[in-house]
């Protein structure tokens, strides 16, 4: 990354935290699998968020360059070449909750992360992240995450203020000297006794989700806190730390997290004009279009005409 707008962006709060649109340049070096492809085909196949016609226009006007030079649309990319993409970014909004600094020490920072905010730059997010907000609003940079939380998860985050300190703390986590605990609201009545799920997990980066199959070993311990007969609060203690481990293991147990759009299986009524893209008239709440969802999982089925968890 060689150019961007100033580090302190103009945040706009309007039923959420927005970032004023800005220009940004993505820099990467051509991977081996990219070699031999035309510059337009490469972007169209690897970065599907924009149309083929957009990439044709971006190459022609010089927003996409190779080795800092303009190229034609049929240019064939070679391995290790520098590729840049200069574009106007509109980041998705996040909830308006503050990133609270709980403890600020010489080499460690502990904060509270609200739900919906990614920890660090990824995908469509850069400034609407915990790292970006801490830099913009508190002048705290650079920061090195010791561990991460999924974007939709809230909780405590520990940052180190140096790479060496981050490595030291990560080693303690891997050695079991530091342990993480989570509380999840799941569908159904979770068993009263402790449940241990020991199932390998394989993460598919292209699909952005994990699967219980031959992969890395993964183990999570679950203990029910309470239940109202419809939902349960569950204490989750991951023994290992795989991507989406808790979410996948709860799905495997037949009790997925109640509002988990990725691992809570559902189908959409094709005759409903409000599914999947249009919210019912008079409603602005995100997710309210799920009014005609049917959930299903191992050994259970649940139809929710008006899901109060949405």
Foldseek 3Di string as FASTA:
>chain_A
DPDWPDLQFDWDDDQFTFTDKTKDKDKDFAAQVQAFAFPLVSCVVPPVPDHSVVSQVCLVVVQWDWQSDRDHRRHGDHGGIMIMGMDIATADTFHHDDFAFDDDDPWKTKTKDAAQAFAADDDRDHCSHVCSCCCNPPVQDDWAWLDTDPRRDIDMTMITRDPVVSVVSNVCVVVVVDWDKDKFKWFFDDDQDKDKDWFAWDADVVVRGIAGDPHHTWMKIKHWPDDPGTITIIMITTPDDDVCRVQRRCLVVVIHGPPDPPRFDKDDDPPDPCPPPHAPPPDDDPPQSCQAIWTDGVPDTDTHNGDPVD
